[in-house]
Amino acid sequence: MLEYLDDALQAVLPDEEYAKLTQFDEAIARTTSRGDFHRCLHCAHWAVSLADHPQNAHTGHLVESLRTVVDEIRDTSYAVDFGLFTPGRTVTDVELAWVDRAMQTAEAVAASFGWDAVPWQNLVEELVAMEPASS
């Protein structure tokens, strides 16, 4: 999932921002796919938060379906347990669509206010930090 996000960011970031992305290469390479459900959900939540910022109101239409997903999953402990404790589970196309929508939202905000208004580095740091402890 993080490699997917890395590729998605590479496709949209301008050169000066892409240079910042490369600092995460080693950390991303050390992660596993464990916890990818939560990483994808975190991307959805991040996009909703970004779109909810008053200056970004014009991007709200991009995240309406994500807002629903975030609210439903927050209220459904089964989905959280499934994402955490299902051995061998892989990320689904639906979950990767949450990542895609987060990137669309980031692009829309950047188009209006520049990439400095998009805290994508924080997102990558948070997703890397979600790596479950080895057991």
N, C-alpha and C. Protein backbone atom coordinates (compact mmCIF):
# COMPACT_ATOMS: atom_id res chain seq x y z
N MET A 1 0.83 -1.19 0.00
CA MET A 1 0.00 0.00 0.00
C MET A 1 0.87 1.25 0.00
N LEU A 2 1.94 1.23 0.80
CA LEU A 2 2.80 2.41 0.84
C LEU A 2 3.55 2.60 -0.48
N GLU A 3 3.89 1.52 -1.14
CA GLU A 3 4.51 1.65 -2.46
C GLU A 3 3.51 2.23 -3.45
N TYR A 4 2.26 1.84 -3.33
CA TYR A 4 1.19 2.38 -4.17
C TYR A 4 1.07 3.89 -3.94
N LEU A 5 1.07 4.30 -2.67
CA LEU A 5 0.99 5.72 -2.34
C LEU A 5 2.22 6.45 -2.86
N ASP A 6 3.38 5.86 -2.68
CA ASP A 6 4.62 6.46 -3.15
C ASP A 6 4.55 6.71 -4.67
N ASP A 7 4.07 5.73 -5.41
CA ASP A 7 3.92 5.88 -6.86
C ASP A 7 2.90 6.98 -7.19
N ALA A 8 1.80 7.02 -6.43
CA ALA A 8 0.76 8.02 -6.67
C ALA A 8 1.30 9.43 -6.40
N LEU A 9 2.06 9.57 -5.32
CA LEU A 9 2.65 10.88 -5.02
C LEU A 9 3.67 11.27 -6.08
N GLN A 10 4.48 10.31 -6.50
CA GLN A 10 5.48 10.58 -7.53
C GLN A 10 4.81 11.12 -8.80
N ALA A 11 3.63 10.61 -9.10
CA ALA A 11 2.92 11.03 -10.32
C ALA A 11 2.37 12.45 -10.24
N VAL A 12 2.14 12.96 -9.03
CA VAL A 12 1.49 14.27 -8.91
C VAL A 12 2.38 15.37 -8.34
N LEU A 13 3.42 15.01 -7.62
CA LEU A 13 4.25 16.04 -6.99
C LEU A 13 5.16 16.73 -8.00
N PRO A 14 5.32 18.03 -7.86
CA PRO A 14 6.33 18.71 -8.68
C PRO A 14 7.72 18.27 -8.22
N ASP A 15 8.73 18.53 -9.04
CA ASP A 15 10.08 18.03 -8.78
C ASP A 15 10.61 18.38 -7.39
N GLU A 16 10.41 19.61 -6.95
CA GLU A 16 10.96 20.01 -5.64
C GLU A 16 10.28 19.25 -4.49
N GLU A 17 9.01 18.93 -4.65
CA GLU A 17 8.31 18.14 -3.63
C GLU A 17 8.70 16.67 -3.74
N TYR A 18 8.88 16.18 -4.95
CA TYR A 18 9.28 14.78 -5.14
C TYR A 18 10.63 14.52 -4.47
N ALA A 19 11.52 15.48 -4.52
CA ALA A 19 12.82 15.32 -3.86
C ALA A 19 12.63 15.07 -2.36
N LYS A 20 11.62 15.67 -1.77
CA LYS A 20 11.33 15.45 -0.35
C LYS A 20 10.78 14.04 -0.12
N LEU A 21 10.04 13.52 -1.09
CA LEU A 21 9.46 12.19 -0.96
C LEU A 21 10.53 11.11 -0.87
N THR A 22 11.63 11.30 -1.56
CA THR A 22 12.67 10.27 -1.58
C THR A 22 13.28 10.02 -0.21
N GLN A 23 13.14 10.95 0.71
CA GLN A 23 13.67 10.74 2.06
C GLN A 23 12.93 9.62 2.80
N PHE A 24 11.77 9.23 2.30
CA PHE A 24 10.99 8.18 2.94
C PHE A 24 11.23 6.80 2.33
N ASP A 25 12.05 6.71 1.29
CA ASP A 25 12.25 5.45 0.58
C ASP A 25 12.64 4.29 1.48
N GLU A 26 13.63 4.50 2.34
CA GLU A 26 14.09 3.42 3.22
C GLU A 26 13.01 3.00 4.22
N ALA A 27 12.35 3.96 4.80
CA ALA A 27 11.30 3.66 5.78
C ALA A 27 10.16 2.89 5.13
N ILE A 28 9.79 3.29 3.93
CA ILE A 28 8.72 2.59 3.21
C ILE A 28 9.16 1.17 2.88
N ALA A 29 10.40 1.01 2.47
CA ALA A 29 10.92 -0.32 2.11
C ALA A 29 10.92 -1.27 3.32
N ARG A 30 11.04 -0.75 4.53
CA ARG A 30 11.06 -1.59 5.74
C ARG A 30 9.67 -2.01 6.20
N THR A 31 8.62 -1.44 5.63
CA THR A 31 7.27 -1.78 6.07
C THR A 31 6.78 -3.05 5.40
N THR A 32 5.76 -3.63 6.01
CA THR A 32 5.10 -4.81 5.45
C THR A 32 3.68 -4.41 5.07
N SER A 33 2.93 -5.36 4.57
CA SER A 33 1.54 -5.07 4.22
C SER A 33 0.61 -5.20 5.42
N ARG A 34 1.15 -5.65 6.55
CA ARG A 34 0.31 -5.73 7.76
C ARG A 34 -0.14 -4.32 8.13
N GLY A 35 -1.41 -4.17 8.38
CA GLY A 35 -1.95 -2.87 8.75
C GLY A 35 -2.36 -2.01 7.57
N ASP A 36 -2.31 -2.56 6.35
CA ASP A 36 -2.66 -1.75 5.18
C ASP A 36 -4.11 -1.30 5.18
N PHE A 37 -5.00 -2.10 5.72
CA PHE A 37 -6.40 -1.66 5.84
C PHE A 37 -6.44 -0.33 6.60
N HIS A 38 -5.72 -0.28 7.72
CA HIS A 38 -5.73 0.94 8.53
C HIS A 38 -5.00 2.08 7.84
N ARG A 39 -3.99 1.76 7.08
CA ARG A 39 -3.30 2.81 6.33
C ARG A 39 -4.24 3.41 5.27
N CYS A 40 -4.94 2.57 4.55
CA CYS A 40 -5.89 3.06 3.54
C CYS A 40 -6.99 3.89 4.20
N LEU A 41 -7.50 3.40 5.31
CA LEU A 41 -8.53 4.14 6.03
C LEU A 41 -7.97 5.48 6.52
N HIS A 42 -6.73 5.48 6.96
CA HIS A 42 -6.10 6.73 7.40
C HIS A 42 -6.00 7.72 6.24
N CYS A 43 -5.71 7.23 5.04
CA CYS A 43 -5.69 8.11 3.86
C CYS A 43 -7.07 8.73 3.64
N ALA A 44 -8.10 7.93 3.80
CA ALA A 44 -9.46 8.44 3.63
C ALA A 44 -9.75 9.52 4.66
N HIS A 45 -9.41 9.24 5.90
CA HIS A 45 -9.64 10.21 6.97
C HIS A 45 -8.83 11.49 6.72
N TRP A 46 -7.59 11.34 6.27
CA TRP A 46 -6.72 12.47 5.96
C TRP A 46 -7.35 13.34 4.87
N ALA A 47 -7.88 12.71 3.83
CA ALA A 47 -8.50 13.45 2.73
C ALA A 47 -9.73 14.21 3.22
N VAL A 48 -10.52 13.58 4.06
CA VAL A 48 -11.71 14.25 4.61
C VAL A 48 -11.28 15.45 5.44
N SER A 49 -10.26 15.29 6.28
CA SER A 49 -9.77 16.40 7.10
C SER A 49 -9.23 17.53 6.23
N LEU A 50 -8.50 17.18 5.17
CA LEU A 50 -7.96 18.19 4.26
C LEU A 50 -9.09 18.95 3.57
N ALA A 51 -10.08 18.24 3.11
CA ALA A 51 -11.21 18.88 2.42
C ALA A 51 -12.07 19.69 3.38
N ASP A 52 -12.11 19.30 4.66
CA ASP A 52 -12.92 20.01 5.64
C ASP A 52 -12.33 21.36 6.06
N HIS A 53 -11.06 21.59 5.75
CA HIS A 53 -10.46 22.88 6.08
C HIS A 53 -11.22 23.96 5.31
N PRO A 54 -11.62 25.03 5.98
CA PRO A 54 -12.48 26.03 5.34
C PRO A 54 -11.97 26.54 3.99
N GLN A 55 -10.68 26.73 3.85
CA GLN A 55 -10.16 27.25 2.58
C GLN A 55 -10.27 26.23 1.45
N ASN A 56 -10.48 24.96 1.81
CA ASN A 56 -10.54 23.89 0.81
C ASN A 56 -11.96 23.43 0.53
N ALA A 57 -12.93 24.24 0.85
CA ALA A 57 -14.34 23.84 0.69
C ALA A 57 -14.66 23.38 -0.72
N HIS A 58 -13.96 23.90 -1.70
CA HIS A 58 -14.22 23.54 -3.10
C HIS A 58 -13.84 22.09 -3.41
N THR A 59 -13.14 21.42 -2.51
CA THR A 59 -12.76 20.02 -2.74
C THR A 59 -13.70 19.05 -2.04
N GLY A 60 -14.69 19.55 -1.34
CA GLY A 60 -15.59 18.70 -0.57
C GLY A 60 -16.27 17.61 -1.37
N HIS A 61 -16.61 17.91 -2.61
CA HIS A 61 -17.28 16.91 -3.45
C HIS A 61 -16.39 15.70 -3.71
N LEU A 62 -15.07 15.87 -3.64
CA LEU A 62 -14.15 14.75 -3.89
C LEU A 62 -14.18 13.71 -2.77
N VAL A 63 -14.59 14.11 -1.59
CA VAL A 63 -14.48 13.21 -0.44
C VAL A 63 -15.80 12.80 0.18
N GLU A 64 -16.92 13.13 -0.44
CA GLU A 64 -18.21 12.77 0.16
C GLU A 64 -18.32 11.27 0.41
N SER A 65 -17.94 10.45 -0.55
CA SER A 65 -18.02 9.00 -0.34
C SER A 65 -17.03 8.55 0.71
N LEU A 66 -15.86 9.20 0.78
CA LEU A 66 -14.88 8.85 1.81
C LEU A 66 -15.39 9.22 3.19
N ARG A 67 -16.07 10.33 3.29
CA ARG A 67 -16.63 10.75 4.58
C ARG A 67 -17.59 9.68 5.10
N THR A 68 -18.39 9.12 4.21
CA THR A 68 -19.32 8.05 4.58
C THR A 68 -18.55 6.81 5.05
N VAL A 69 -17.52 6.44 4.31
CA VAL A 69 -16.70 5.28 4.67
C VAL A 69 -16.08 5.47 6.04
N VAL A 70 -15.47 6.63 6.25
CA VAL A 70 -14.81 6.92 7.54
C VAL A 70 -15.82 6.81 8.68
N ASP A 71 -16.99 7.41 8.49
CA ASP A 71 -18.01 7.36 9.54
C ASP A 71 -18.50 5.95 9.80
N GLU A 72 -18.74 5.19 8.73
CA GLU A 72 -19.25 3.81 8.90
C GLU A 72 -18.22 2.92 9.57
N ILE A 73 -16.98 3.01 9.15
CA ILE A 73 -15.96 2.14 9.73
C ILE A 73 -15.65 2.53 11.16
N ARG A 74 -15.67 3.81 11.45
CA ARG A 74 -15.45 4.25 12.83
C ARG A 74 -16.51 3.63 13.75
N ASP A 75 -17.70 3.45 13.21
CA ASP A 75 -18.80 2.90 13.99
C ASP A 75 -18.88 1.37 13.93
N THR A 76 -17.96 0.73 13.22
CA THR A 76 -18.03 -0.71 13.02
C THR A 76 -16.75 -1.36 13.51
N SER A 77 -16.76 -1.85 14.71
CA SER A 77 -15.54 -2.45 15.26
C SER A 77 -15.15 -3.72 14.51
N TYR A 78 -16.09 -4.41 13.90
CA TYR A 78 -15.77 -5.61 13.15
C TYR A 78 -14.77 -5.30 12.04
N ALA A 79 -15.00 -4.22 11.31
CA ALA A 79 -14.11 -3.86 10.20
C ALA A 79 -12.70 -3.58 10.71
N VAL A 80 -12.61 -2.91 11.85
CA VAL A 80 -11.30 -2.63 12.42
C VAL A 80 -10.61 -3.93 12.82
N ASP A 81 -11.34 -4.82 13.48
CA ASP A 81 -10.77 -6.12 13.85
C ASP A 81 -10.35 -6.91 12.62
N PHE A 82 -11.16 -6.89 11.59
CA PHE A 82 -10.85 -7.59 10.36
C PHE A 82 -9.55 -7.08 9.76
N GLY A 83 -9.41 -5.78 9.73
CA GLY A 83 -8.21 -5.18 9.18
C GLY A 83 -6.96 -5.47 9.98
N LEU A 84 -7.11 -5.66 11.26
CA LEU A 84 -5.96 -5.91 12.12
C LEU A 84 -5.58 -7.38 12.22
N PHE A 85 -6.56 -8.24 12.31
CA PHE A 85 -6.27 -9.59 12.75
C PHE A 85 -6.51 -10.69 11.73
N THR A 86 -6.66 -10.35 10.47
CA THR A 86 -6.87 -11.38 9.47
C THR A 86 -5.53 -11.74 8.82
N PRO A 87 -4.97 -12.90 9.16
CA PRO A 87 -3.68 -13.28 8.59
C PRO A 87 -3.78 -13.44 7.07
N GLY A 88 -2.76 -12.99 6.37
CA GLY A 88 -2.71 -13.15 4.94
C GLY A 88 -3.61 -12.24 4.14
N ARG A 89 -4.31 -11.36 4.81
CA ARG A 89 -5.22 -10.44 4.13
C ARG A 89 -4.41 -9.48 3.27
N THR A 90 -4.90 -9.19 2.08
CA THR A 90 -4.25 -8.20 1.22
C THR A 90 -5.18 -7.01 1.03
N VAL A 91 -4.58 -5.90 0.65
CA VAL A 91 -5.34 -4.68 0.43
C VAL A 91 -6.24 -4.86 -0.80
N THR A 92 -7.43 -4.31 -0.74
CA THR A 92 -8.40 -4.46 -1.83
C THR A 92 -8.40 -3.24 -2.74
N ASP A 93 -8.99 -3.40 -3.90
CA ASP A 93 -9.12 -2.28 -4.83
C ASP A 93 -9.96 -1.16 -4.22
N VAL A 94 -10.94 -1.52 -3.43
CA VAL A 94 -11.78 -0.51 -2.79
C VAL A 94 -10.93 0.33 -1.84
N GLU A 95 -10.08 -0.31 -1.06
CA GLU A 95 -9.23 0.42 -0.13
C GLU A 95 -8.22 1.29 -0.87
N LEU A 96 -7.67 0.78 -1.96
CA LEU A 96 -6.74 1.59 -2.75
C LEU A 96 -7.46 2.78 -3.40
N ALA A 97 -8.75 2.63 -3.65
CA ALA A 97 -9.52 3.76 -4.17
C ALA A 97 -9.57 4.89 -3.14
N TRP A 98 -9.54 4.54 -1.85
CA TRP A 98 -9.49 5.58 -0.81
C TRP A 98 -8.19 6.37 -0.93
N VAL A 99 -7.11 5.67 -1.23
CA VAL A 99 -5.82 6.32 -1.42
C VAL A 99 -5.88 7.22 -2.66
N ASP A 100 -6.46 6.70 -3.73
CA ASP A 100 -6.60 7.51 -4.95
C ASP A 100 -7.39 8.78 -4.68
N ARG A 101 -8.47 8.66 -3.95
CA ARG A 101 -9.30 9.84 -3.65
C ARG A 101 -8.52 10.82 -2.79
N ALA A 102 -7.70 10.33 -1.89
CA ALA A 102 -6.86 11.22 -1.08
C ALA A 102 -5.89 11.99 -1.98
N MET A 103 -5.33 11.31 -2.97
CA MET A 103 -4.41 11.98 -3.89
C MET A 103 -5.15 13.00 -4.77
N GLN A 104 -6.37 12.69 -5.18
CA GLN A 104 -7.17 13.65 -5.95
C GLN A 104 -7.46 14.90 -5.13
N THR A 105 -7.76 14.69 -3.86
CA THR A 105 -8.02 15.82 -2.97
C THR A 105 -6.76 16.65 -2.79
N ALA A 106 -5.63 15.99 -2.59
CA ALA A 106 -4.36 16.69 -2.43
C ALA A 106 -4.04 17.51 -3.67
N GLU A 107 -4.24 16.92 -4.84
CA GLU A 107 -4.00 17.64 -6.09
C GLU A 107 -4.88 18.87 -6.23
N ALA A 108 -6.14 18.73 -5.86
CA ALA A 108 -7.09 19.84 -5.98
C ALA A 108 -6.69 20.98 -5.04
N VAL A 109 -6.30 20.65 -3.82
CA VAL A 109 -5.87 21.69 -2.88
C VAL A 109 -4.59 22.34 -3.38
N ALA A 110 -3.65 21.52 -3.86
CA ALA A 110 -2.38 22.05 -4.36
C ALA A 110 -2.60 22.96 -5.57
N ALA A 111 -3.55 22.62 -6.41
CA ALA A 111 -3.84 23.44 -7.59
C ALA A 111 -4.30 24.84 -7.19
N SER A 112 -4.99 24.93 -6.06
CA SER A 112 -5.49 26.23 -5.60
C SER A 112 -4.51 26.98 -4.71
N PHE A 113 -3.79 26.23 -3.86
CA PHE A 113 -2.98 26.89 -2.83
C PHE A 113 -1.52 26.48 -2.81
N GLY A 114 -1.12 25.60 -3.70
CA GLY A 114 0.26 25.13 -3.72
C GLY A 114 0.45 23.93 -2.82
N TRP A 115 1.54 23.21 -3.06
CA TRP A 115 1.79 21.98 -2.29
C TRP A 115 2.14 22.26 -0.84
N ASP A 116 2.52 23.50 -0.52
CA ASP A 116 2.77 23.82 0.89
C ASP A 116 1.51 23.71 1.73
N ALA A 117 0.34 23.80 1.08
CA ALA A 117 -0.94 23.70 1.79
C ALA A 117 -1.39 22.25 1.97
N VAL A 118 -0.61 21.31 1.45
CA VAL A 118 -0.97 19.89 1.52
C VAL A 118 0.05 19.17 2.41
N PRO A 119 -0.36 18.72 3.58
CA PRO A 119 0.58 18.08 4.50
C PRO A 119 0.86 16.61 4.16
N TRP A 120 1.27 16.37 2.92
CA TRP A 120 1.49 15.00 2.46
C TRP A 120 2.64 14.32 3.19
N GLN A 121 3.65 15.09 3.59
CA GLN A 121 4.78 14.48 4.32
C GLN A 121 4.30 13.92 5.66
N ASN A 122 3.42 14.65 6.33
CA ASN A 122 2.87 14.14 7.60
C ASN A 122 2.11 12.84 7.36
N LEU A 123 1.36 12.80 6.27
CA LEU A 123 0.61 11.59 5.95
C LEU A 123 1.56 10.41 5.79
N VAL A 124 2.61 10.57 5.01
CA VAL A 124 3.55 9.47 4.79
C VAL A 124 4.18 9.04 6.12
N GLU A 125 4.60 9.99 6.94
CA GLU A 125 5.19 9.67 8.25
C GLU A 125 4.21 8.88 9.10
N GLU A 126 2.96 9.32 9.14
CA GLU A 126 1.94 8.64 9.95
C GLU A 126 1.70 7.22 9.44
N LEU A 127 1.67 7.04 8.12
CA LEU A 127 1.42 5.71 7.56
C LEU A 127 2.59 4.77 7.83
N VAL A 128 3.81 5.26 7.73
CA VAL A 128 4.98 4.43 8.04
C VAL A 128 4.93 4.03 9.53
N ALA A 129 4.56 4.98 10.37
CA ALA A 129 4.51 4.71 11.82
C ALA A 129 3.44 3.71 12.20
N MET A 130 2.52 3.41 11.30
CA MET A 130 1.45 2.47 11.60
C MET A 130 1.90 1.01 11.45
N GLU A 131 3.16 0.78 11.13
CA GLU A 131 3.68 -0.58 10.99
C GLU A 131 3.49 -1.32 12.32
N PRO A 132 2.76 -2.44 12.30
CA PRO A 132 2.56 -3.20 13.52
C PRO A 132 3.88 -3.78 14.03
N ALA A 133 3.98 -3.90 15.31
CA ALA A 133 5.18 -4.52 15.91
C ALA A 133 5.22 -5.98 15.51
N SER A 134 6.40 -6.48 15.27
CA SER A 134 6.56 -7.89 14.91
C SER A 134 6.16 -8.75 16.09
N SER A 135 5.48 -9.85 15.77
CA SER A 135 5.09 -10.75 16.86
C SER A 135 5.45 -12.17 16.55
